[in-house]
Amino acid sequence: MAKSPQNKEAEYEKMLEEATVDCYGEEEEFLGVLCALEDNLKFPFDAIVLVRPVKIVGVDAKKSSLRAGIVMKARIDGCAKEQSAAVFMVDVADKGSENEKWLEWAKWWGRR
């Protein structure tokens, strides 16, 4: 059974509180969110970015910022170089997984 929007909101607020318990200010909160994603996402994982199947291999902490948002590292079959994808562009292939929960949380955080 899908969670109601109110239940999801409460769950996301709790996840944010846990990720940012010792953070003061926007920048520290942002770093707390990045750390939570790095700690809880199971890399690599299959995803879709702009209708193209990719493997998400990590969080790109160097390209991520308060202004740019959260940026993920992606590998596309046949491409030697890693590509960057804004978290808003990434849809987890394994619906209902922990990875989907954490990625949806990151998108929610970015819309706040």
PDB file of N, CA and C in Angstrom:
ATOM      1  N   MET A   1       0.843  -1.181   0.000  1.00  0.00           N
ATOM      2  CA  MET A   1       0.000   0.000   0.000  1.00  0.00           C
ATOM      3  C   MET A   1       0.889   1.246   0.000  1.00  0.00           C
ATOM      4  N   ALA A   2       0.593   2.163  -0.868  1.00  0.00           N
ATOM      5  CA  ALA A   2       1.382   3.396  -0.971  1.00  0.00           C
ATOM      6  C   ALA A   2       1.119   4.293   0.236  1.00  0.00           C
ATOM      7  N   LYS A   3       2.153   5.011   0.627  1.00  0.00           N
ATOM      8  CA  LYS A   3       2.020   5.938   1.753  1.00  0.00           C
ATOM      9  C   LYS A   3       1.286   7.191   1.296  1.00  0.00           C
ATOM     10  N   SER A   4       0.513   7.745   2.206  1.00  0.00           N
ATOM     11  CA  SER A   4      -0.179   8.994   1.902  1.00  0.00           C
ATOM     12  C   SER A   4       0.851  10.120   1.830  1.00  0.00           C
ATOM     13  N   PRO A   5       0.520  11.214   1.137  1.00  0.00           N
ATOM     14  CA  PRO A   5       1.457  12.344   1.072  1.00  0.00           C
ATOM     15  C   PRO A   5       1.869  12.854   2.452  1.00  0.00           C
ATOM     16  N   GLN A   6       0.945  12.827   3.414  1.00  0.00           N
ATOM     17  CA  GLN A   6       1.277  13.295   4.765  1.00  0.00           C
ATOM     18  C   GLN A   6       2.283  12.362   5.429  1.00  0.00           C
ATOM     19  N   ASN A   7       2.102  11.043   5.239  1.00  0.00           N
ATOM     20  CA  ASN A   7       3.034  10.078   5.823  1.00  0.00           C
ATOM     21  C   ASN A   7       4.413  10.192   5.189  1.00  0.00           C
ATOM     22  N   LYS A   8       4.455  10.385   3.869  1.00  0.00           N
ATOM     23  CA  LYS A   8       5.745  10.562   3.189  1.00  0.00           C
ATOM     24  C   LYS A   8       6.441  11.815   3.686  1.00  0.00           C
ATOM     25  N   GLU A   9       5.687  12.880   3.799  1.00  0.00           N
ATOM     26  CA  GLU A   9       6.247  14.150   4.278  1.00  0.00           C
ATOM     27  C   GLU A   9       6.849  13.963   5.669  1.00  0.00           C
ATOM     28  N   ALA A  10       6.129  13.284   6.548  1.00  0.00           N
ATOM     29  CA  ALA A  10       6.625  13.044   7.908  1.00  0.00           C
ATOM     30  C   ALA A  10       7.875  12.166   7.884  1.00  0.00           C
ATOM     31  N   GLU A  11       7.868  11.138   7.028  1.00  0.00           N
ATOM     32  CA  GLU A  11       9.042  10.269   6.912  1.00  0.00           C
ATOM     33  C   GLU A  11      10.243  11.058   6.389  1.00  0.00           C
ATOM     34  N   TYR A  12      10.023  11.882   5.367  1.00  0.00           N
ATOM     35  CA  TYR A  12      11.114  12.673   4.801  1.00  0.00           C
ATOM     36  C   TYR A  12      11.648  13.684   5.814  1.00  0.00           C
ATOM     37  N   GLU A  13      10.759  14.285   6.582  1.00  0.00           N
ATOM     38  CA  GLU A  13      11.198  15.228   7.626  1.00  0.00           C
ATOM     39  C   GLU A  13      12.077  14.513   8.651  1.00  0.00           C
ATOM     40  N   LYS A  14      11.685  13.303   9.022  1.00  0.00           N
ATOM     41  CA  LYS A  14      12.477  12.527   9.987  1.00  0.00           C
ATOM     42  C   LYS A  14      13.844  12.175   9.397  1.00  0.00           C
ATOM     43  N   MET A  15      13.868  11.759   8.132  1.00  0.00           N
ATOM     44  CA  MET A  15      15.135  11.438   7.472  1.00  0.00           C
ATOM     45  C   MET A  15      16.038  12.667   7.438  1.00  0.00           C
ATOM     46  N   LEU A  16      15.449  13.831   7.156  1.00  0.00           N
ATOM     47  CA  LEU A  16      16.221  15.070   7.109  1.00  0.00           C
ATOM     48  C   LEU A  16      16.764  15.415   8.487  1.00  0.00           C
ATOM     49  N   GLU A  17      15.936  15.254   9.491  1.00  0.00           N
ATOM     50  CA  GLU A  17      16.369  15.541  10.860  1.00  0.00           C
ATOM     51  C   GLU A  17      17.569  14.668  11.244  1.00  0.00           C
ATOM     52  N   GLU A  18      17.507  13.387  10.882  1.00  0.00           N
ATOM     53  CA  GLU A  18      18.611  12.474  11.186  1.00  0.00           C
ATOM     54  C   GLU A  18      19.870  12.838  10.402  1.00  0.00           C
ATOM     55  N   ALA A  19      19.705  13.260   9.153  1.00  0.00           N
ATOM     56  CA  ALA A  19      20.856  13.584   8.301  1.00  0.00           C
ATOM     57  C   ALA A  19      21.524  14.890   8.701  1.00  0.00           C
ATOM     58  N   THR A  20      20.770  15.767   9.357  1.00  0.00           N
ATOM     59  CA  THR A  20      21.291  17.112   9.631  1.00  0.00           C
ATOM     60  C   THR A  20      21.306  17.445  11.116  1.00  0.00           C
ATOM     61  N   VAL A  21      21.368  16.435  11.957  1.00  0.00           N
ATOM     62  CA  VAL A  21      21.246  16.632  13.399  1.00  0.00           C
ATOM     63  C   VAL A  21      22.275  17.617  13.955  1.00  0.00           C
ATOM     64  N   ASP A  22      23.489  17.613  13.454  1.00  0.00           N
ATOM     65  CA  ASP A  22      24.535  18.508  13.957  1.00  0.00           C
ATOM     66  C   ASP A  22      24.861  19.639  12.986  1.00  0.00           C
ATOM     67  N   CYS A  23      23.956  19.941  12.079  1.00  0.00           N
ATOM     68  CA  CYS A  23      24.227  20.933  11.041  1.00  0.00           C
ATOM     69  C   CYS A  23      23.634  22.290  11.410  1.00  0.00           C
ATOM     70  N   TYR A  24      24.396  23.329  11.095  1.00  0.00           N
ATOM     71  CA  TYR A  24      23.951  24.705  11.318  1.00  0.00           C
ATOM     72  C   TYR A  24      24.087  25.459  10.006  1.00  0.00           C
ATOM     73  N   GLY A  25      22.992  25.950   9.488  1.00  0.00           N
ATOM     74  CA  GLY A  25      23.013  26.713   8.250  1.00  0.00           C
ATOM     75  C   GLY A  25      22.786  25.841   7.029  1.00  0.00           C
ATOM     76  N   GLU A  26      22.506  26.513   5.913  1.00  0.00           N
ATOM     77  CA  GLU A  26      22.180  25.832   4.659  1.00  0.00           C
ATOM     78  C   GLU A  26      23.317  24.972   4.129  1.00  0.00           C
ATOM     79  N   GLU A  27      24.546  25.478   4.169  1.00  0.00           N
ATOM     80  CA  GLU A  27      25.666  24.719   3.613  1.00  0.00           C
ATOM     81  C   GLU A  27      25.907  23.425   4.369  1.00  0.00           C
ATOM     82  N   GLU A  28      25.861  23.488   5.694  1.00  0.00           N
ATOM     83  CA  GLU A  28      26.054  22.268   6.476  1.00  0.00           C
ATOM     84  C   GLU A  28      24.896  21.298   6.259  1.00  0.00           C
ATOM     85  N   GLU A  29      23.672  21.824   6.128  1.00  0.00           N
ATOM     86  CA  GLU A  29      22.531  20.954   5.840  1.00  0.00           C
ATOM     87  C   GLU A  29      22.734  20.269   4.498  1.00  0.00           C
ATOM     88  N   PHE A  30      23.192  21.014   3.502  1.00  0.00           N
ATOM     89  CA  PHE A  30      23.443  20.438   2.183  1.00  0.00           C
ATOM     90  C   PHE A  30      24.468  19.312   2.280  1.00  0.00           C
ATOM     91  N   LEU A  31      25.555  19.545   3.007  1.00  0.00           N
ATOM     92  CA  LEU A  31      26.579  18.510   3.167  1.00  0.00           C
ATOM     93  C   LEU A  31      26.031  17.302   3.920  1.00  0.00           C
ATOM     94  N   GLY A  32      25.159  17.530   4.893  1.00  0.00           N
ATOM     95  CA  GLY A  32      24.518  16.426   5.602  1.00  0.00           C
ATOM     96  C   GLY A  32      23.665  15.579   4.676  1.00  0.00           C
ATOM     97  N   VAL A  33      22.953  16.229   3.771  1.00  0.00           N
ATOM     98  CA  VAL A  33      22.134  15.513   2.791  1.00  0.00           C
ATOM     99  C   VAL A  33      23.033  14.696   1.864  1.00  0.00           C
ATOM    100  N   LEU A  34      24.123  15.287   1.373  1.00  0.00           N
ATOM    101  CA  LEU A  34      25.050  14.543   0.511  1.00  0.00           C
ATOM    102  C   LEU A  34      25.606  13.322   1.233  1.00  0.00           C
ATOM    103  N   CYS A  35      26.027  13.504   2.469  1.00  0.00           N
ATOM    104  CA  CYS A  35      26.577  12.381   3.247  1.00  0.00           C
ATOM    105  C   CYS A  35      25.533  11.288   3.443  1.00  0.00           C
ATOM    106  N   ALA A  36      24.293  11.678   3.726  1.00  0.00           N
ATOM    107  CA  ALA A  36      23.228  10.687   3.905  1.00  0.00           C
ATOM    108  C   ALA A  36      23.021   9.880   2.627  1.00  0.00           C
ATOM    109  N   LEU A  37      23.073  10.548   1.482  1.00  0.00           N
ATOM    110  CA  LEU A  37      22.919   9.834   0.212  1.00  0.00           C
ATOM    111  C   LEU A  37      24.084   8.886  -0.021  1.00  0.00           C
ATOM    112  N   GLU A  38      25.295   9.358   0.206  1.00  0.00           N
ATOM    113  CA  GLU A  38      26.469   8.503   0.013  1.00  0.00           C
ATOM    114  C   GLU A  38      26.436   7.299   0.949  1.00  0.00           C
ATOM    115  N   ASP A  39      25.937   7.491   2.159  1.00  0.00           N
ATOM    116  CA  ASP A  39      25.887   6.406   3.141  1.00  0.00           C
ATOM    117  C   ASP A  39      24.764   5.411   2.874  1.00  0.00           C
ATOM    118  N   ASN A  40      23.669   5.849   2.272  1.00  0.00           N
ATOM    119  CA  ASN A  40      22.482   4.997   2.179  1.00  0.00           C
ATOM    120  C   ASN A  40      22.158   4.463   0.792  1.00  0.00           C
ATOM    121  N   LEU A  41      22.618   5.119  -0.257  1.00  0.00           N
ATOM    122  CA  LEU A  41      22.394   4.581  -1.597  1.00  0.00           C
ATOM    123  C   LEU A  41      23.366   3.427  -1.831  1.00  0.00           C
ATOM    124  N   LYS A  42      22.889   2.381  -2.487  1.00  0.00           N
ATOM    125  CA  LYS A  42      23.714   1.206  -2.796  1.00  0.00           C
ATOM    126  C   LYS A  42      24.177   1.320  -4.250  1.00  0.00           C
ATOM    127  N   PHE A  43      25.428   1.732  -4.411  1.00  0.00           N
ATOM    128  CA  PHE A  43      25.997   1.931  -5.749  1.00  0.00           C
ATOM    129  C   PHE A  43      26.704   0.673  -6.221  1.00  0.00           C
ATOM    130  N   PRO A  44      26.760   0.434  -7.528  1.00  0.00           N
ATOM    131  CA  PRO A  44      26.000   1.115  -8.582  1.00  0.00           C
ATOM    132  C   PRO A  44      24.563   0.589  -8.605  1.00  0.00           C
ATOM    133  N   PHE A  45      23.671   1.394  -9.191  1.00  0.00           N
ATOM    134  CA  PHE A  45      22.301   0.921  -9.373  1.00  0.00           C
ATOM    135  C   PHE A  45      21.776   1.393 -10.719  1.00  0.00           C
ATOM    136  N   ASP A  46      20.842   0.598 -11.250  1.00  0.00           N
ATOM    137  CA  ASP A  46      20.240   0.902 -12.547  1.00  0.00           C
ATOM    138  C   ASP A  46      19.231   2.029 -12.401  1.00  0.00           C
ATOM    139  N   ALA A  47      19.244   2.906 -13.388  1.00  0.00           N
ATOM    140  CA  ALA A  47      18.331   4.046 -13.379  1.00  0.00           C
ATOM    141  C   ALA A  47      18.040   4.467 -14.812  1.00  0.00           C
ATOM    142  N   ILE A  48      17.125   5.394 -14.926  1.00  0.00           N
ATOM    143  CA  ILE A  48      16.784   6.007 -16.213  1.00  0.00           C
ATOM    144  C   ILE A  48      17.048   7.499 -16.079  1.00  0.00           C
ATOM    145  N   VAL A  49      17.792   8.040 -17.035  1.00  0.00           N
ATOM    146  CA  VAL A  49      18.035   9.479 -17.108  1.00  0.00           C
ATOM    147  C   VAL A  49      17.651   9.918 -18.515  1.00  0.00           C
ATOM    148  N   LEU A  50      16.646  10.767 -18.587  1.00  0.00           N
ATOM    149  CA  LEU A  50      16.160  11.259 -19.887  1.00  0.00           C
ATOM    150  C   LEU A  50      15.892  10.101 -20.845  1.00  0.00           C
ATOM    151  N   VAL A  51      15.092   9.155 -20.407  1.00  0.00           N
ATOM    152  CA  VAL A  51      14.661   7.947 -21.124  1.00  0.00           C
ATOM    153  C   VAL A  51      15.795   7.000 -21.510  1.00  0.00           C
ATOM    154  N   ARG A  52      16.973   7.209 -20.981  1.00  0.00           N
ATOM    155  CA  ARG A  52      18.117   6.358 -21.317  1.00  0.00           C
ATOM    156  C   ARG A  52      18.548   5.546 -20.097  1.00  0.00           C
ATOM    157  N   PRO A  53      18.730   4.221 -20.266  1.00  0.00           N
ATOM    158  CA  PRO A  53      19.197   3.420 -19.136  1.00  0.00           C
ATOM    159  C   PRO A  53      20.653   3.751 -18.799  1.00  0.00           C
ATOM    160  N   VAL A  54      20.918   3.894 -17.511  1.00  0.00           N
ATOM    161  CA  VAL A  54      22.267   4.206 -17.031  1.00  0.00           C
ATOM    162  C   VAL A  54      22.518   3.433 -15.743  1.00  0.00           C
ATOM    163  N   LYS A  55      23.777   3.435 -15.316  1.00  0.00           N
ATOM    164  CA  LYS A  55      24.151   2.972 -13.981  1.00  0.00           C
ATOM    165  C   LYS A  55      24.572   4.199 -13.205  1.00  0.00           C
ATOM    166  N   ILE A  56      23.961   4.420 -12.061  1.00  0.00           N
ATOM    167  CA  ILE A  56      24.383   5.505 -11.178  1.00  0.00           C
ATOM    168  C   ILE A  56      25.491   4.930 -10.305  1.00  0.00           C
ATOM    169  N   VAL A  57      26.662   5.567 -10.353  1.00  0.00           N
ATOM    170  CA  VAL A  57      27.833   5.019  -9.666  1.00  0.00           C
ATOM    171  C   VAL A  57      28.250   5.833  -8.446  1.00  0.00           C
ATOM    172  N   GLY A  58      27.600   6.954  -8.205  1.00  0.00           N
ATOM    173  CA  GLY A  58      27.945   7.728  -7.024  1.00  0.00           C
ATOM    174  C   GLY A  58      27.335   9.113  -7.036  1.00  0.00           C
ATOM    175  N   VAL A  59      27.578   9.808  -5.934  1.00  0.00           N
ATOM    176  CA  VAL A  59      27.208  11.213  -5.807  1.00  0.00           C
ATOM    177  C   VAL A  59      28.427  12.019  -6.215  1.00  0.00           C
ATOM    178  N   ASP A  60      28.243  13.015  -7.052  1.00  0.00           N
ATOM    179  CA  ASP A  60      29.361  13.860  -7.478  1.00  0.00           C
ATOM    180  C   ASP A  60      29.454  15.064  -6.548  1.00  0.00           C
ATOM    181  N   ALA A  61      30.214  14.883  -5.472  1.00  0.00           N
ATOM    182  CA  ALA A  61      30.333  15.939  -4.459  1.00  0.00           C
ATOM    183  C   ALA A  61      31.030  17.181  -5.009  1.00  0.00           C
ATOM    184  N   LYS A  62      31.904  17.003  -5.998  1.00  0.00           N
ATOM    185  CA  LYS A  62      32.615  18.158  -6.567  1.00  0.00           C
ATOM    186  C   LYS A  62      31.692  19.046  -7.393  1.00  0.00           C
ATOM    187  N   LYS A  63      30.733  18.451  -8.081  1.00  0.00           N
ATOM    188  CA  LYS A  63      29.821  19.229  -8.924  1.00  0.00           C
ATOM    189  C   LYS A  63      28.547  19.635  -8.188  1.00  0.00           C
ATOM    190  N   SER A  64      28.268  18.994  -7.073  1.00  0.00           N
ATOM    191  CA  SER A  64      27.075  19.320  -6.286  1.00  0.00           C
ATOM    192  C   SER A  64      27.324  20.575  -5.465  1.00  0.00           C
ATOM    193  N   SER A  65      26.293  21.401  -5.358  1.00  0.00           N
ATOM    194  CA  SER A  65      26.385  22.609  -4.532  1.00  0.00           C
ATOM    195  C   SER A  65      24.970  23.097  -4.244  1.00  0.00           C
ATOM    196  N   LEU A  66      24.872  24.043  -3.324  1.00  0.00           N
ATOM    197  CA  LEU A  66      23.559  24.624  -3.046  1.00  0.00           C
ATOM    198  C   LEU A  66      22.947  25.208  -4.309  1.00  0.00           C
ATOM    199  N   ARG A  67      23.765  25.830  -5.117  1.00  0.00           N
ATOM    200  CA  ARG A  67      23.262  26.464  -6.342  1.00  0.00           C
ATOM    201  C   ARG A  67      22.956  25.445  -7.440  1.00  0.00           C
ATOM    202  N   ALA A  68      23.869  24.479  -7.647  1.00  0.00           N
ATOM    203  CA  ALA A  68      23.697  23.483  -8.709  1.00  0.00           C
ATOM    204  C   ALA A  68      22.762  22.353  -8.299  1.00  0.00           C
ATOM    205  N   GLY A  69      22.608  22.140  -7.006  1.00  0.00           N
ATOM    206  CA  GLY A  69      21.820  21.014  -6.531  1.00  0.00           C
ATOM    207  C   GLY A  69      22.678  19.765  -6.414  1.00  0.00           C
ATOM    208  N   ILE A  70      22.024  18.656  -6.205  1.00  0.00           N
ATOM    209  CA  ILE A  70      22.714  17.374  -6.052  1.00  0.00           C
ATOM    210  C   ILE A  70      22.942  16.788  -7.434  1.00  0.00           C
ATOM    211  N   VAL A  71      24.187  16.412  -7.693  1.00  0.00           N
ATOM    212  CA  VAL A  71      24.570  15.860  -8.986  1.00  0.00           C
ATOM    213  C   VAL A  71      25.055  14.427  -8.773  1.00  0.00           C
ATOM    214  N   MET A  72      24.573  13.531  -9.623  1.00  0.00           N
ATOM    215  CA  MET A  72      24.949  12.126  -9.555  1.00  0.00           C
ATOM    216  C   MET A  72      25.923  11.799 -10.684  1.00  0.00           C
ATOM    217  N   LYS A  73      26.767  10.791 -10.453  1.00  0.00           N
ATOM    218  CA  LYS A  73      27.666  10.277 -11.487  1.00  0.00           C
ATOM    219  C   LYS A  73      26.973   9.100 -12.159  1.00  0.00           C
ATOM    220  N   ALA A  74      26.941   9.129 -13.497  1.00  0.00           N
ATOM    221  CA  ALA A  74      26.251   8.081 -14.249  1.00  0.00           C
ATOM    222  C   ALA A  74      27.168   7.500 -15.317  1.00  0.00           C
ATOM    223  N   ARG A  75      26.975   6.213 -15.584  1.00  0.00           N
ATOM    224  CA  ARG A  75      27.676   5.552 -16.684  1.00  0.00           C
ATOM    225  C   ARG A  75      26.638   5.062 -17.679  1.00  0.00           C
ATOM    226  N   ILE A  76      26.893   5.384 -18.926  1.00  0.00           N
ATOM    227  CA  ILE A  76      26.024   4.945 -20.012  1.00  0.00           C
ATOM    228  C   ILE A  76      26.768   3.857 -20.760  1.00  0.00           C
ATOM    229  N   ASP A  77      26.082   2.750 -21.067  1.00  0.00           N
ATOM    230  CA  ASP A  77      26.727   1.675 -21.827  1.00  0.00           C
ATOM    231  C   ASP A  77      27.336   2.229 -23.104  1.00  0.00           C
ATOM    232  N   GLY A  78      28.567   1.846 -23.358  1.00  0.00           N
ATOM    233  CA  GLY A  78      29.254   2.279 -24.560  1.00  0.00           C
ATOM    234  C   GLY A  78      30.020   3.576 -24.418  1.00  0.00           C
ATOM    235  N   CYS A  79      29.854   4.281 -23.319  1.00  0.00           N
ATOM    236  CA  CYS A  79      30.581   5.530 -23.084  1.00  0.00           C
ATOM    237  C   CYS A  79      31.687   5.280 -22.067  1.00  0.00           C
ATOM    238  N   ALA A  80      32.876   5.706 -22.390  1.00  0.00           N
ATOM    239  CA  ALA A  80      34.007   5.512 -21.489  1.00  0.00           C
ATOM    240  C   ALA A  80      33.964   6.483 -20.314  1.00  0.00           C
ATOM    241  N   LYS A  81      33.466   7.692 -20.545  1.00  0.00           N
ATOM    242  CA  LYS A  81      33.469   8.723 -19.503  1.00  0.00           C
ATOM    243  C   LYS A  81      32.202   8.667 -18.662  1.00  0.00           C
ATOM    244  N   GLU A  82      32.370   9.021 -17.389  1.00  0.00           N
ATOM    245  CA  GLU A  82      31.202   9.200 -16.530  1.00  0.00           C
ATOM    246  C   GLU A  82      30.492  10.480 -16.936  1.00  0.00           C
ATOM    247  N   GLN A  83      29.187  10.450 -16.840  1.00  0.00           N
ATOM    248  CA  GLN A  83      28.367  11.610 -17.142  1.00  0.00           C
ATOM    249  C   GLN A  83      27.779  12.146 -15.836  1.00  0.00           C
ATOM    250  N   SER A  84      27.365  13.382 -15.848  1.00  0.00           N
ATOM    251  CA  SER A  84      26.713  13.991 -14.688  1.00  0.00           C
ATOM    252  C   SER A  84      25.214  14.070 -14.942  1.00  0.00           C
ATOM    253  N   ALA A  85      24.450  13.850 -13.880  1.00  0.00           N
ATOM    254  CA  ALA A  85      22.994  13.954 -13.986  1.00  0.00           C
ATOM    255  C   ALA A  85      22.452  14.589 -12.712  1.00  0.00           C
ATOM    256  N   ALA A  86      21.677  15.643 -12.873  1.00  0.00           N
ATOM    257  CA  ALA A  86      21.018  16.247 -11.715  1.00  0.00           C
ATOM    258  C   ALA A  86      20.085  15.215 -11.106  1.00  0.00           C
ATOM    259  N   VAL A  87      20.001  15.206  -9.793  1.00  0.00           N
ATOM    260  CA  VAL A  87      19.187  14.211  -9.098  1.00  0.00           C
ATOM    261  C   VAL A  87      17.743  14.228  -9.598  1.00  0.00           C
ATOM    262  N   PHE A  88      17.239  15.378 -10.027  1.00  0.00           N
ATOM    263  CA  PHE A  88      15.867  15.476 -10.528  1.00  0.00           C
ATOM    264  C   PHE A  88      15.657  14.703 -11.825  1.00  0.00           C
ATOM    265  N   MET A  89      16.738  14.415 -12.539  1.00  0.00           N
ATOM    266  CA  MET A  89      16.644  13.708 -13.813  1.00  0.00           C
ATOM    267  C   MET A  89      16.732  12.197 -13.655  1.00  0.00           C
ATOM    268  N   VAL A  90      17.016  11.708 -12.458  1.00  0.00           N
ATOM    269  CA  VAL A  90      17.282  10.289 -12.232  1.00  0.00           C
ATOM    270  C   VAL A  90      16.035   9.594 -11.693  1.00  0.00           C
ATOM    271  N   ASP A  91      15.627   8.527 -12.377  1.00  0.00           N
ATOM    272  CA  ASP A  91      14.543   7.667 -11.900  1.00  0.00           C
ATOM    273  C   ASP A  91      15.112   6.271 -11.685  1.00  0.00           C
ATOM    274  N   VAL A  92      14.978   5.756 -10.476  1.00  0.00           N
ATOM    275  CA  VAL A  92      15.503   4.437 -10.139  1.00  0.00           C
ATOM    276  C   VAL A  92      14.700   3.369 -10.870  1.00  0.00           C
ATOM    277  N   ALA A  93      15.402   2.396 -11.470  1.00  0.00           N
ATOM    278  CA  ALA A  93      14.726   1.324 -12.195  1.00  0.00           C
ATOM    279  C   ALA A  93      14.010   0.367 -11.244  1.00  0.00           C
ATOM    280  N   ASP A  94      14.582   0.131 -10.067  1.00  0.00           N
ATOM    281  CA  ASP A  94      14.036  -0.815  -9.089  1.00  0.00           C
ATOM    282  C   ASP A  94      13.026  -0.104  -8.187  1.00  0.00           C
ATOM    283  N   LYS A  95      11.794  -0.028  -8.656  1.00  0.00           N
ATOM    284  CA  LYS A  95      10.740   0.676  -7.910  1.00  0.00           C
ATOM    285  C   LYS A  95      10.483  -0.008  -6.568  1.00  0.00           C
ATOM    286  N   GLY A  96      10.297   0.805  -5.537  1.00  0.00           N
ATOM    287  CA  GLY A  96      10.040   0.284  -4.206  1.00  0.00           C
ATOM    288  C   GLY A  96      11.291  -0.049  -3.410  1.00  0.00           C
ATOM    289  N   SER A  97      12.450   0.168  -3.990  1.00  0.00           N
ATOM    290  CA  SER A  97      13.714  -0.154  -3.321  1.00  0.00           C
ATOM    291  C   SER A  97      14.127   0.958  -2.359  1.00  0.00           C
ATOM    292  N   GLU A  98      15.094   0.651  -1.514  1.00  0.00           N
ATOM    293  CA  GLU A  98      15.675   1.666  -0.633  1.00  0.00           C
ATOM    294  C   GLU A  98      16.311   2.778  -1.460  1.00  0.00           C
ATOM    295  N   ASN A  99      16.935   2.420  -2.586  1.00  0.00           N
ATOM    296  CA  ASN A  99      17.536   3.446  -3.442  1.00  0.00           C
ATOM    297  C   ASN A  99      16.482   4.424  -3.935  1.00  0.00           C
ATOM    298  N   GLU A 100      15.323   3.911  -4.311  1.00  0.00           N
ATOM    299  CA  GLU A 100      14.260   4.812  -4.767  1.00  0.00           C
ATOM    300  C   GLU A 100      13.825   5.732  -3.629  1.00  0.00           C
ATOM    301  N   LYS A 101      13.682   5.166  -2.430  1.00  0.00           N
ATOM    302  CA  LYS A 101      13.271   5.978  -1.276  1.00  0.00           C
ATOM    303  C   LYS A 101      14.255   7.114  -1.037  1.00  0.00           C
ATOM    304  N   TRP A 102      15.555   6.826  -1.050  1.00  0.00           N
ATOM    305  CA  TRP A 102      16.557   7.862  -0.777  1.00  0.00           C
ATOM    306  C   TRP A 102      16.634   8.886  -1.903  1.00  0.00           C
ATOM    307  N   LEU A 103      16.486   8.430  -3.143  1.00  0.00           N
ATOM    308  CA  LEU A 103      16.526   9.377  -4.260  1.00  0.00           C
ATOM    309  C   LEU A 103      15.291  10.283  -4.251  1.00  0.00           C
ATOM    310  N   GLU A 104      14.130   9.726  -3.954  1.00  0.00           N
ATOM    311  CA  GLU A 104      12.920  10.543  -3.857  1.00  0.00           C
ATOM    312  C   GLU A 104      13.037  11.535  -2.707  1.00  0.00           C
ATOM    313  N   TRP A 105      13.668  11.121  -1.617  1.00  0.00           N
ATOM    314  CA  TRP A 105      13.915  12.025  -0.489  1.00  0.00           C
ATOM    315  C   TRP A 105      14.801  13.192  -0.936  1.00  0.00           C
ATOM    316  N   ALA A 106      15.858  12.893  -1.706  1.00  0.00           N
ATOM    317  CA  ALA A 106      16.762  13.946  -2.189  1.00  0.00           C
ATOM    318  C   ALA A 106      16.013  14.928  -3.089  1.00  0.00           C
ATOM    319  N   LYS A 107      15.124  14.423  -3.924  1.00  0.00           N
ATOM    320  CA  LYS A 107      14.325  15.298  -4.787  1.00  0.00           C
ATOM    321  C   LYS A 107      13.398  16.169  -3.939  1.00  0.00           C
ATOM    322  N   TRP A 108      12.776  15.555  -2.943  1.00  0.00           N
ATOM    323  CA  TRP A 108      11.916  16.309  -2.017  1.00  0.00           C
ATOM    324  C   TRP A 108      12.709  17.414  -1.340  1.00  0.00           C
ATOM    325  N   TRP A 109      13.897  17.082  -0.856  1.00  0.00           N
ATOM    326  CA  TRP A 109      14.732  18.075  -0.178  1.00  0.00           C
ATOM    327  C   TRP A 109      15.062  19.236  -1.127  1.00  0.00           C
ATOM    328  N   GLY A 110      15.364  18.921  -2.370  1.00  0.00           N
ATOM    329  CA  GLY A 110      15.706  19.951  -3.346  1.00  0.00           C
ATOM    330  C   GLY A 110      14.557  20.889  -3.678  1.00  0.00           C
ATOM    331  N   ARG A 111      13.329  20.424  -3.501  1.00  0.00           N
ATOM    332  CA  ARG A 111      12.149  21.261  -3.790  1.00  0.00           C
ATOM    333  C   ARG A 111      11.747  22.128  -2.609  1.00  0.00           C
ATOM    334  N   ARG A 112      12.320  21.910  -1.459  1.00  0.00           N
ATOM    335  CA  ARG A 112      11.922  22.642  -0.237  1.00  0.00           C
ATOM    336  C   ARG A 112      12.283  24.099  -0.324  1.00  0.00           C
TER     337      ARG A 112
END
